[in-house]
Amino acid sequence: MEATKMSVLRCRWVLFLMLYAGLVATATANGSQRIENKEFKFTLRVPVGAVICTEASDGHRHGFSILLQPNPQGCKSSIPQPYVGIYGDYNVLNFGTPEQWLHILCQQNQPSLESKDLTSLTFPQHTSASCKRRGKDSWIDVFVTAQAGRWPGNGSSSRTPYINYTAQLHTNSARFGEDMKKFREILAGVNIF
């Protein structure tokens, strides 16, 4: 009889732990949301409640900018704001490596980040390249590039990647450390499919 009572208590304890673990997992999952760009084949995880701006041109929705310190006008503001951007572009210039694409973004390369910072800035599971550029207006841009995909149709035998991916942190020196942490978190949540 005593053994049965102990067994029931153990079962209740195990059920309690399973329920608690489920609640924690749900709370964690509810702390972020996943958004998708079907045209350029990627998703990213962003905090719930983040101000997200869609970036489009010539009928293509290239990606998203996540405002890090949004002003009341949000995406419609003409005032420069710190942001993290994740974008896709067709590789119409036939860049063969992420470094070639990166050179376009950082033509005026300033001293780059410390090498340990550079190696940890990557699109998950993709060869990536990164650089840091300082603007004349005190803004700092960090770029990370990667490539993926095969050209459809006749170009499918081409070894040149189909899509160039760019992650960008746009911030200033006062916010750099804090915003770099957010950039890493968002970049780690990108899934190119």
N, C-alpha and C. Protein backbone atom coordinates (compact mmCIF):
# COMPACT_ATOMS: atom_id res chain seq x y z
N MET A 1 0.82 -1.19 0.00
CA MET A 1 0.00 0.00 0.00
C MET A 1 0.87 1.26 0.00
N GLU A 2 1.90 1.25 0.84
CA GLU A 2 2.82 2.38 0.92
C GLU A 2 3.55 2.58 -0.42
N ALA A 3 3.91 1.49 -1.09
CA ALA A 3 4.60 1.57 -2.38
C ALA A 3 3.68 2.20 -3.43
N THR A 4 2.39 1.89 -3.38
CA THR A 4 1.43 2.46 -4.33
C THR A 4 1.28 3.95 -4.11
N LYS A 5 1.24 4.36 -2.84
CA LYS A 5 1.13 5.78 -2.50
C LYS A 5 2.36 6.55 -3.02
N MET A 6 3.54 5.97 -2.85
CA MET A 6 4.77 6.60 -3.33
C MET A 6 4.77 6.68 -4.86
N SER A 7 4.26 5.65 -5.51
CA SER A 7 4.20 5.63 -6.96
C SER A 7 3.26 6.72 -7.48
N VAL A 8 2.14 6.92 -6.83
CA VAL A 8 1.20 7.97 -7.22
C VAL A 8 1.84 9.34 -7.03
N LEU A 9 2.54 9.53 -5.91
CA LEU A 9 3.22 10.81 -5.67
C LEU A 9 4.29 11.07 -6.74
N ARG A 10 5.04 10.05 -7.11
CA ARG A 10 6.05 10.21 -8.16
C ARG A 10 5.39 10.60 -9.48
N CYS A 11 4.28 9.94 -9.82
CA CYS A 11 3.57 10.26 -11.07
C CYS A 11 3.09 11.70 -11.06
N ARG A 12 2.54 12.14 -9.94
CA ARG A 12 2.09 13.54 -9.83
C ARG A 12 3.27 14.50 -9.99
N TRP A 13 4.39 14.16 -9.36
CA TRP A 13 5.57 15.01 -9.46
C TRP A 13 6.08 15.09 -10.91
N VAL A 14 6.11 13.95 -11.59
CA VAL A 14 6.55 13.92 -12.99
C VAL A 14 5.59 14.74 -13.86
N LEU A 15 4.28 14.59 -13.63
CA LEU A 15 3.30 15.36 -14.40
C LEU A 15 3.47 16.86 -14.15
N PHE A 16 3.73 17.23 -12.89
CA PHE A 16 3.95 18.63 -12.56
C PHE A 16 5.17 19.17 -13.31
N LEU A 17 6.27 18.42 -13.31
CA LEU A 17 7.49 18.85 -14.00
C LEU A 17 7.25 18.97 -15.50
N MET A 18 6.50 18.03 -16.08
CA MET A 18 6.21 18.09 -17.52
C MET A 18 5.35 19.33 -17.84
N LEU A 19 4.35 19.60 -17.00
CA LEU A 19 3.50 20.76 -17.20
C LEU A 19 4.32 22.04 -17.07
N TYR A 20 5.18 22.12 -16.07
CA TYR A 20 6.02 23.29 -15.87
C TYR A 20 6.95 23.51 -17.07
N ALA A 21 7.58 22.43 -17.55
CA ALA A 21 8.47 22.53 -18.71
C ALA A 21 7.70 23.02 -19.93
N GLY A 22 6.48 22.54 -20.11
CA GLY A 22 5.65 22.99 -21.22
C GLY A 22 5.31 24.46 -21.13
N LEU A 23 5.03 24.96 -19.95
CA LEU A 23 4.73 26.37 -19.77
C LEU A 23 5.95 27.23 -20.06
N VAL A 24 7.11 26.79 -19.62
CA VAL A 24 8.34 27.53 -19.88
C VAL A 24 8.61 27.58 -21.38
N ALA A 25 8.45 26.45 -22.07
CA ALA A 25 8.68 26.41 -23.52
C ALA A 25 7.71 27.33 -24.25
N THR A 26 6.45 27.35 -23.82
CA THR A 26 5.46 28.22 -24.44
C THR A 26 5.81 29.68 -24.21
N ALA A 27 6.21 30.02 -23.00
CA ALA A 27 6.57 31.40 -22.71
C ALA A 27 7.76 31.83 -23.55
N THR A 28 8.74 30.96 -23.72
CA THR A 28 9.90 31.28 -24.54
C THR A 28 9.49 31.46 -25.99
N ALA A 29 8.65 30.55 -26.48
CA ALA A 29 8.21 30.64 -27.87
C ALA A 29 7.41 31.92 -28.09
N ASN A 30 6.64 32.35 -27.10
CA ASN A 30 5.84 33.56 -27.22
C ASN A 30 6.67 34.83 -27.10
N GLY A 31 7.93 34.72 -26.70
CA GLY A 31 8.79 35.89 -26.58
C GLY A 31 9.34 36.36 -27.92
N SER A 32 9.16 35.56 -28.97
CA SER A 32 9.62 35.95 -30.29
C SER A 32 8.61 35.49 -31.33
N GLN A 33 8.72 36.08 -32.50
CA GLN A 33 7.87 35.68 -33.61
C GLN A 33 8.75 35.44 -34.83
N ARG A 34 8.31 34.58 -35.71
CA ARG A 34 9.06 34.29 -36.92
C ARG A 34 8.36 34.95 -38.09
N ILE A 35 9.12 35.72 -38.88
CA ILE A 35 8.57 36.33 -40.08
C ILE A 35 9.28 35.74 -41.29
N GLU A 36 8.61 35.73 -42.44
CA GLU A 36 9.11 35.02 -43.61
C GLU A 36 9.14 35.91 -44.84
N ASN A 37 10.16 35.70 -45.65
CA ASN A 37 10.24 36.30 -46.97
C ASN A 37 10.27 35.14 -47.96
N LYS A 38 9.12 34.88 -48.60
CA LYS A 38 9.01 33.72 -49.49
C LYS A 38 9.81 33.92 -50.78
N GLU A 39 9.83 35.14 -51.30
CA GLU A 39 10.54 35.38 -52.56
C GLU A 39 12.03 35.09 -52.42
N PHE A 40 12.65 35.55 -51.34
CA PHE A 40 14.09 35.37 -51.17
C PHE A 40 14.43 34.23 -50.21
N LYS A 41 13.41 33.46 -49.86
CA LYS A 41 13.58 32.18 -49.14
C LYS A 41 14.34 32.28 -47.83
N PHE A 42 13.82 33.13 -46.91
CA PHE A 42 14.40 33.15 -45.58
C PHE A 42 13.34 33.52 -44.55
N THR A 43 13.60 33.11 -43.33
CA THR A 43 12.79 33.51 -42.19
C THR A 43 13.73 34.10 -41.15
N LEU A 44 13.17 34.89 -40.25
CA LEU A 44 13.96 35.36 -39.12
C LEU A 44 13.08 35.48 -37.90
N ARG A 45 13.72 35.36 -36.77
CA ARG A 45 13.04 35.44 -35.48
C ARG A 45 13.30 36.82 -34.90
N VAL A 46 12.21 37.49 -34.51
CA VAL A 46 12.31 38.83 -33.92
C VAL A 46 11.48 38.87 -32.64
N PRO A 47 11.81 39.76 -31.72
CA PRO A 47 11.04 39.87 -30.49
C PRO A 47 9.59 40.29 -30.78
N VAL A 48 8.66 39.73 -30.02
CA VAL A 48 7.27 40.14 -30.12
C VAL A 48 7.19 41.62 -29.77
N GLY A 49 6.45 42.39 -30.55
CA GLY A 49 6.29 43.81 -30.30
C GLY A 49 7.33 44.68 -30.98
N ALA A 50 8.31 44.06 -31.66
CA ALA A 50 9.33 44.84 -32.36
C ALA A 50 8.70 45.63 -33.50
N VAL A 51 9.24 46.81 -33.79
CA VAL A 51 8.79 47.59 -34.94
C VAL A 51 9.56 47.08 -36.15
N ILE A 52 8.82 46.48 -37.10
CA ILE A 52 9.43 45.84 -38.27
C ILE A 52 8.98 46.58 -39.51
N CYS A 53 9.93 47.03 -40.30
CA CYS A 53 9.64 47.73 -41.55
C CYS A 53 9.96 46.81 -42.72
N THR A 54 9.07 46.75 -43.70
CA THR A 54 9.31 45.96 -44.90
C THR A 54 10.11 46.81 -45.88
N GLU A 55 11.16 46.23 -46.44
CA GLU A 55 12.01 46.93 -47.39
C GLU A 55 11.76 46.36 -48.78
N ALA A 56 11.27 47.21 -49.68
CA ALA A 56 10.91 46.76 -51.02
C ALA A 56 11.40 47.75 -52.07
N SER A 57 11.63 47.22 -53.28
CA SER A 57 11.94 48.07 -54.43
C SER A 57 11.62 47.29 -55.70
N ASP A 58 11.20 48.01 -56.71
CA ASP A 58 10.90 47.42 -58.03
C ASP A 58 10.01 46.19 -57.93
N GLY A 59 9.02 46.22 -57.05
CA GLY A 59 8.09 45.11 -56.93
C GLY A 59 8.61 43.91 -56.16
N HIS A 60 9.79 44.01 -55.58
CA HIS A 60 10.37 42.91 -54.80
C HIS A 60 10.43 43.31 -53.33
N ARG A 61 9.94 42.43 -52.48
CA ARG A 61 10.05 42.64 -51.03
C ARG A 61 11.37 42.01 -50.59
N HIS A 62 12.40 42.82 -50.48
CA HIS A 62 13.75 42.30 -50.24
C HIS A 62 13.97 41.81 -48.82
N GLY A 63 13.31 42.41 -47.85
CA GLY A 63 13.55 42.00 -46.48
C GLY A 63 12.92 42.91 -45.48
N PHE A 64 13.55 42.96 -44.31
CA PHE A 64 12.97 43.65 -43.17
C PHE A 64 14.04 44.44 -42.42
N SER A 65 13.62 45.57 -41.88
CA SER A 65 14.44 46.33 -40.94
C SER A 65 13.73 46.31 -39.59
N ILE A 66 14.45 45.97 -38.56
CA ILE A 66 13.92 45.95 -37.20
C ILE A 66 14.49 47.18 -36.50
N LEU A 67 13.62 48.11 -36.15
CA LEU A 67 14.06 49.35 -35.52
C LEU A 67 14.47 49.07 -34.08
N LEU A 68 15.66 49.53 -33.70
CA LEU A 68 16.19 49.27 -32.36
C LEU A 68 15.82 50.36 -31.36
N GLN A 69 15.52 51.54 -31.84
CA GLN A 69 15.09 52.64 -30.98
C GLN A 69 14.08 53.46 -31.79
N PRO A 70 12.89 52.89 -32.02
CA PRO A 70 11.94 53.56 -32.91
C PRO A 70 11.43 54.88 -32.33
N ASN A 71 11.31 55.86 -33.20
CA ASN A 71 10.68 57.11 -32.78
C ASN A 71 9.18 56.98 -33.06
N PRO A 72 8.36 57.93 -32.63
CA PRO A 72 6.90 57.78 -32.77
C PRO A 72 6.42 57.56 -34.20
N GLN A 73 7.16 58.01 -35.21
CA GLN A 73 6.75 57.82 -36.59
C GLN A 73 7.11 56.43 -37.12
N GLY A 74 7.92 55.69 -36.38
CA GLY A 74 8.28 54.33 -36.77
C GLY A 74 8.89 54.25 -38.15
N CYS A 75 8.35 53.36 -38.99
CA CYS A 75 8.89 53.11 -40.32
C CYS A 75 8.76 54.31 -41.26
N LYS A 76 7.84 55.20 -40.98
CA LYS A 76 7.60 56.35 -41.86
C LYS A 76 8.51 57.53 -41.57
N SER A 77 9.34 57.41 -40.56
CA SER A 77 10.21 58.51 -40.15
C SER A 77 11.32 58.75 -41.16
N SER A 78 11.63 60.01 -41.38
CA SER A 78 12.77 60.36 -42.24
C SER A 78 14.02 60.61 -41.40
N ILE A 79 13.87 60.54 -40.09
CA ILE A 79 15.00 60.73 -39.17
C ILE A 79 15.77 59.42 -39.07
N PRO A 80 17.09 59.43 -39.25
CA PRO A 80 17.87 58.19 -39.14
C PRO A 80 17.68 57.54 -37.77
N GLN A 81 17.53 56.22 -37.79
CA GLN A 81 17.31 55.45 -36.56
C GLN A 81 18.22 54.22 -36.57
N PRO A 82 18.62 53.74 -35.41
CA PRO A 82 19.37 52.49 -35.35
C PRO A 82 18.45 51.33 -35.77
N TYR A 83 19.00 50.39 -36.55
CA TYR A 83 18.19 49.24 -36.97
C TYR A 83 19.08 48.06 -37.31
N VAL A 84 18.43 46.89 -37.38
CA VAL A 84 19.03 45.68 -37.93
C VAL A 84 18.22 45.35 -39.16
N GLY A 85 18.90 45.15 -40.28
CA GLY A 85 18.22 44.79 -41.52
C GLY A 85 18.67 43.42 -42.00
N ILE A 86 17.72 42.65 -42.52
CA ILE A 86 18.02 41.36 -43.13
C ILE A 86 17.37 41.40 -44.51
N TYR A 87 18.19 41.21 -45.56
CA TYR A 87 17.72 41.41 -46.93
C TYR A 87 18.21 40.31 -47.86
N GLY A 88 17.46 40.11 -48.94
CA GLY A 88 17.86 39.23 -50.02
C GLY A 88 17.83 39.99 -51.34
N ASP A 89 18.74 39.68 -52.23
CA ASP A 89 18.80 40.29 -53.57
C ASP A 89 19.20 39.21 -54.56
N TYR A 90 18.63 39.28 -55.77
CA TYR A 90 19.07 38.36 -56.81
C TYR A 90 20.50 38.71 -57.20
N ASN A 91 21.30 37.71 -57.44
CA ASN A 91 22.72 37.86 -57.73
C ASN A 91 22.93 38.19 -59.21
N VAL A 92 22.37 39.29 -59.66
CA VAL A 92 22.42 39.65 -61.09
C VAL A 92 23.82 40.04 -61.55
N LEU A 93 24.70 40.40 -60.63
CA LEU A 93 26.08 40.72 -61.01
C LEU A 93 27.00 39.51 -60.93
N ASN A 94 26.41 38.34 -60.64
CA ASN A 94 27.12 37.06 -60.63
C ASN A 94 28.34 37.03 -59.71
N PHE A 95 28.18 37.53 -58.49
CA PHE A 95 29.25 37.42 -57.51
C PHE A 95 29.41 35.96 -57.13
N GLY A 96 30.64 35.48 -57.12
CA GLY A 96 30.89 34.08 -56.83
C GLY A 96 31.10 33.76 -55.37
N THR A 97 31.33 34.79 -54.54
CA THR A 97 31.60 34.56 -53.12
C THR A 97 30.94 35.65 -52.28
N PRO A 98 30.68 35.38 -51.01
CA PRO A 98 30.16 36.43 -50.12
C PRO A 98 31.12 37.62 -50.02
N GLU A 99 32.43 37.36 -50.12
CA GLU A 99 33.42 38.45 -50.04
C GLU A 99 33.27 39.42 -51.21
N GLN A 100 32.98 38.89 -52.40
CA GLN A 100 32.80 39.77 -53.56
C GLN A 100 31.58 40.67 -53.36
N TRP A 101 30.49 40.12 -52.83
CA TRP A 101 29.29 40.91 -52.55
C TRP A 101 29.59 41.93 -51.45
N LEU A 102 30.33 41.52 -50.43
CA LEU A 102 30.68 42.40 -49.32
C LEU A 102 31.48 43.60 -49.79
N HIS A 103 32.35 43.40 -50.77
CA HIS A 103 33.19 44.49 -51.27
C HIS A 103 32.33 45.65 -51.80
N ILE A 104 31.19 45.36 -52.38
CA ILE A 104 30.28 46.40 -52.87
C ILE A 104 29.73 47.21 -51.69
N LEU A 105 29.44 46.54 -50.59
CA LEU A 105 28.86 47.20 -49.42
C LEU A 105 29.89 47.99 -48.63
N CYS A 106 31.13 47.53 -48.63
CA CYS A 106 32.19 48.18 -47.85
C CYS A 106 33.34 48.59 -48.74
N GLN A 107 33.05 49.30 -49.82
CA GLN A 107 34.12 49.73 -50.72
C GLN A 107 35.13 50.59 -50.01
N GLN A 108 34.65 51.41 -49.09
CA GLN A 108 35.55 52.28 -48.34
C GLN A 108 35.84 51.64 -47.00
N ASN A 109 36.37 50.42 -47.05
CA ASN A 109 36.60 49.66 -45.82
C ASN A 109 37.39 50.47 -44.80
N GLN A 110 36.83 50.55 -43.65
CA GLN A 110 37.51 51.13 -42.50
C GLN A 110 38.13 49.95 -41.75
N PRO A 111 38.92 50.20 -40.74
CA PRO A 111 39.43 49.07 -39.97
C PRO A 111 38.26 48.20 -39.53
N SER A 112 38.38 46.92 -39.78
CA SER A 112 37.27 46.01 -39.50
C SER A 112 37.20 45.68 -38.02
N LEU A 113 36.19 44.91 -37.68
CA LEU A 113 36.02 44.47 -36.29
C LEU A 113 37.16 43.57 -35.89
N GLU A 114 37.31 43.38 -34.60
CA GLU A 114 38.30 42.42 -34.11
C GLU A 114 38.01 41.08 -34.78
N SER A 115 39.03 40.30 -35.07
CA SER A 115 38.82 39.05 -35.80
C SER A 115 37.87 38.10 -35.07
N LYS A 116 37.90 38.08 -33.73
CA LYS A 116 36.97 37.20 -33.01
C LYS A 116 35.53 37.64 -33.23
N ASP A 117 35.30 38.94 -33.37
CA ASP A 117 33.95 39.43 -33.64
C ASP A 117 33.54 39.08 -35.06
N LEU A 118 34.46 39.15 -36.00
CA LEU A 118 34.14 38.84 -37.39
C LEU A 118 33.78 37.38 -37.58
N THR A 119 34.54 36.48 -36.98
CA THR A 119 34.28 35.06 -37.20
C THR A 119 32.97 34.61 -36.58
N SER A 120 32.49 35.31 -35.58
CA SER A 120 31.23 34.89 -34.96
C SER A 120 30.01 35.53 -35.62
N LEU A 121 30.22 36.41 -36.58
CA LEU A 121 29.10 37.01 -37.30
C LEU A 121 28.89 36.24 -38.60
N THR A 122 27.92 35.33 -38.57
CA THR A 122 27.62 34.53 -39.76
C THR A 122 26.13 34.27 -39.86
N PHE A 123 25.69 34.05 -41.08
CA PHE A 123 24.35 33.50 -41.28
C PHE A 123 24.45 32.04 -40.89
N PRO A 124 23.55 31.54 -40.05
CA PRO A 124 23.66 30.15 -39.60
C PRO A 124 23.77 29.17 -40.78
N GLN A 125 24.75 28.30 -40.70
CA GLN A 125 25.00 27.22 -41.65
C GLN A 125 25.32 27.71 -43.06
N HIS A 126 25.85 28.93 -43.19
CA HIS A 126 26.26 29.44 -44.50
C HIS A 126 27.61 30.15 -44.37
N THR A 127 28.47 29.95 -45.34
CA THR A 127 29.73 30.68 -45.39
C THR A 127 29.40 32.16 -45.49
N SER A 128 30.01 32.95 -44.65
CA SER A 128 29.68 34.38 -44.57
C SER A 128 30.95 35.23 -44.54
N ALA A 129 30.77 36.49 -44.86
CA ALA A 129 31.85 37.48 -44.76
C ALA A 129 31.29 38.70 -44.05
N SER A 130 32.14 39.47 -43.38
CA SER A 130 31.62 40.63 -42.65
C SER A 130 32.64 41.77 -42.65
N CYS A 131 32.12 42.97 -42.49
CA CYS A 131 32.96 44.16 -42.39
C CYS A 131 32.23 45.24 -41.59
N LYS A 132 32.99 46.26 -41.23
CA LYS A 132 32.44 47.40 -40.49
C LYS A 132 32.82 48.66 -41.23
N ARG A 133 31.86 49.56 -41.36
CA ARG A 133 32.11 50.82 -42.07
C ARG A 133 31.63 51.97 -41.20
N ARG A 134 32.46 52.98 -41.07
CA ARG A 134 32.09 54.19 -40.33
C ARG A 134 31.72 55.27 -41.33
N GLY A 135 30.53 55.86 -41.13
CA GLY A 135 30.10 56.94 -42.00
C GLY A 135 30.60 58.28 -41.51
N LYS A 136 30.53 59.27 -42.37
CA LYS A 136 30.96 60.63 -42.00
C LYS A 136 30.02 61.24 -40.97
N ASP A 137 28.82 60.73 -40.89
CA ASP A 137 27.80 61.30 -40.02
C ASP A 137 27.71 60.59 -38.67
N SER A 138 28.76 59.93 -38.23
CA SER A 138 28.89 59.22 -36.95
C SER A 138 28.13 57.90 -36.88
N TRP A 139 27.49 57.48 -37.95
CA TRP A 139 26.84 56.18 -37.97
C TRP A 139 27.87 55.09 -38.26
N ILE A 140 27.63 53.92 -37.68
CA ILE A 140 28.47 52.75 -37.90
C ILE A 140 27.59 51.68 -38.55
N ASP A 141 28.10 51.07 -39.60
CA ASP A 141 27.38 49.97 -40.26
C ASP A 141 28.25 48.72 -40.20
N VAL A 142 27.64 47.63 -39.76
CA VAL A 142 28.28 46.32 -39.79
C VAL A 142 27.48 45.50 -40.79
N PHE A 143 28.18 44.89 -41.75
CA PHE A 143 27.52 44.07 -42.78
C PHE A 143 27.99 42.63 -42.67
N VAL A 144 27.08 41.70 -42.86
CA VAL A 144 27.39 40.28 -42.97
C VAL A 144 26.72 39.80 -44.25
N THR A 145 27.46 39.09 -45.09
CA THR A 145 26.90 38.61 -46.35
C THR A 145 27.03 37.10 -46.45
N ALA A 146 26.11 36.50 -47.20
CA ALA A 146 26.13 35.08 -47.51
C ALA A 146 25.43 34.90 -48.85
N GLN A 147 25.53 33.71 -49.41
CA GLN A 147 24.88 33.41 -50.68
C GLN A 147 24.27 32.02 -50.62
N ALA A 148 23.22 31.82 -51.43
CA ALA A 148 22.58 30.50 -51.48
C ALA A 148 21.71 30.41 -52.72
N GLY A 149 21.27 29.21 -53.01
CA GLY A 149 20.33 28.97 -54.08
C GLY A 149 20.96 28.72 -55.43
N ARG A 150 20.17 28.09 -56.29
CA ARG A 150 20.60 27.80 -57.66
C ARG A 150 19.71 28.56 -58.62
N TRP A 151 20.27 29.00 -59.71
CA TRP A 151 19.51 29.73 -60.72
C TRP A 151 18.46 28.81 -61.32
N PRO A 152 17.22 29.30 -61.45
CA PRO A 152 16.17 28.48 -62.05
C PRO A 152 16.33 28.38 -63.57
N GLY A 153 15.69 27.39 -64.15
CA GLY A 153 15.67 27.26 -65.61
C GLY A 153 17.03 26.93 -66.18
N ASN A 154 17.38 27.60 -67.28
CA ASN A 154 18.63 27.31 -67.99
C ASN A 154 19.87 27.58 -67.16
N GLY A 155 19.77 28.46 -66.21
CA GLY A 155 20.93 28.78 -65.39
C GLY A 155 21.16 27.82 -64.25
N SER A 156 20.34 26.76 -64.15
CA SER A 156 20.45 25.86 -62.99
C SER A 156 21.77 25.13 -62.93
N SER A 157 22.48 25.03 -64.06
CA SER A 157 23.78 24.36 -64.04
C SER A 157 24.89 25.31 -63.58
N SER A 158 24.57 26.59 -63.46
CA SER A 158 25.56 27.58 -63.03
C SER A 158 25.96 27.32 -61.58
N ARG A 159 27.22 27.53 -61.31
CA ARG A 159 27.71 27.38 -59.93
C ARG A 159 27.63 28.69 -59.16
N THR A 160 27.26 29.77 -59.86
CA THR A 160 27.12 31.06 -59.22
C THR A 160 25.86 31.05 -58.38
N PRO A 161 25.94 31.43 -57.11
CA PRO A 161 24.74 31.44 -56.26
C PRO A 161 23.66 32.38 -56.82
N TYR A 162 22.42 32.05 -56.55
CA TYR A 162 21.25 32.77 -57.06
C TYR A 162 20.90 34.01 -56.23
N ILE A 163 21.09 33.92 -54.91
CA ILE A 163 20.65 35.00 -54.02
C ILE A 163 21.80 35.46 -53.13
N ASN A 164 21.95 36.78 -53.01
CA ASN A 164 22.88 37.39 -52.06
C ASN A 164 22.07 37.79 -50.83
N TYR A 165 22.55 37.43 -49.66
CA TYR A 165 21.91 37.80 -48.40
C TYR A 165 22.78 38.81 -47.67
N THR A 166 22.13 39.79 -47.08
CA THR A 166 22.84 40.82 -46.33
C THR A 166 22.16 41.03 -44.99
N ALA A 167 22.95 41.02 -43.93
CA ALA A 167 22.49 41.46 -42.61
C ALA A 167 23.25 42.75 -42.32
N GLN A 168 22.55 43.73 -41.79
CA GLN A 168 23.17 45.02 -41.52
C GLN A 168 22.77 45.53 -40.15
N LEU A 169 23.76 45.98 -39.40
CA LEU A 169 23.53 46.73 -38.17
C LEU A 169 23.87 48.17 -38.49
N HIS A 170 22.93 49.08 -38.26
CA HIS A 170 23.14 50.52 -38.46
C HIS A 170 22.95 51.16 -37.09
N THR A 171 24.04 51.69 -36.53
CA THR A 171 23.98 52.22 -35.16
C THR A 171 25.02 53.33 -35.00
N ASN A 172 25.19 53.78 -33.77
CA ASN A 172 26.22 54.79 -33.49
C ASN A 172 27.13 54.26 -32.37
N SER A 173 28.20 54.97 -32.09
CA SER A 173 29.18 54.46 -31.13
C SER A 173 28.61 54.36 -29.71
N ALA A 174 27.70 55.25 -29.34
CA ALA A 174 27.12 55.19 -27.99
C ALA A 174 26.27 53.93 -27.78
N ARG A 175 25.67 53.41 -28.85
CA ARG A 175 24.78 52.25 -28.76
C ARG A 175 25.45 50.97 -29.25
N PHE A 176 26.69 51.07 -29.74
CA PHE A 176 27.29 49.95 -30.48
C PHE A 176 27.27 48.63 -29.71
N GLY A 177 27.73 48.60 -28.48
CA GLY A 177 27.80 47.35 -27.71
C GLY A 177 26.44 46.71 -27.52
N GLU A 178 25.48 47.50 -27.08
CA GLU A 178 24.11 47.01 -26.85
C GLU A 178 23.48 46.52 -28.16
N ASP A 179 23.62 47.31 -29.22
CA ASP A 179 23.00 46.94 -30.49
C ASP A 179 23.69 45.75 -31.15
N MET A 180 24.99 45.61 -30.91
CA MET A 180 25.71 44.46 -31.46
C MET A 180 25.16 43.16 -30.88
N LYS A 181 24.80 43.16 -29.60
CA LYS A 181 24.20 41.97 -28.98
C LYS A 181 22.88 41.64 -29.65
N LYS A 182 22.04 42.64 -29.89
CA LYS A 182 20.76 42.42 -30.57
C LYS A 182 20.98 41.92 -31.99
N PHE A 183 21.98 42.48 -32.68
CA PHE A 183 22.30 42.06 -34.04
C PHE A 183 22.66 40.57 -34.06
N ARG A 184 23.51 40.16 -33.14
CA ARG A 184 23.90 38.74 -33.07
C ARG A 184 22.69 37.85 -32.83
N GLU A 185 21.79 38.26 -31.93
CA GLU A 185 20.60 37.47 -31.63
C GLU A 185 19.70 37.32 -32.85
N ILE A 186 19.48 38.42 -33.56
CA ILE A 186 18.62 38.38 -34.74
C ILE A 186 19.29 37.56 -35.84
N LEU A 187 20.58 37.76 -36.06
CA LEU A 187 21.31 37.02 -37.09
C LEU A 187 21.27 35.52 -36.79
N ALA A 188 21.40 35.15 -35.53
CA ALA A 188 21.36 33.72 -35.15
C ALA A 188 20.00 33.11 -35.43
N GLY A 189 18.96 33.92 -35.52
CA GLY A 189 17.61 33.42 -35.77
C GLY A 189 17.20 33.42 -37.23
N VAL A 190 18.15 33.68 -38.16
CA VAL A 190 17.84 33.68 -39.58
C VAL A 190 17.94 32.25 -40.10
N ASN A 191 16.96 31.86 -40.89
CA ASN A 191 16.95 30.54 -41.54
C ASN A 191 16.79 30.74 -43.04
N ILE A 192 17.83 30.41 -43.79
CA ILE A 192 17.77 30.48 -45.25
C ILE A 192 17.35 29.08 -45.71
N PHE A 193 16.28 29.01 -46.52
CA PHE A 193 15.80 27.68 -46.95
C PHE A 193 15.81 27.51 -48.45
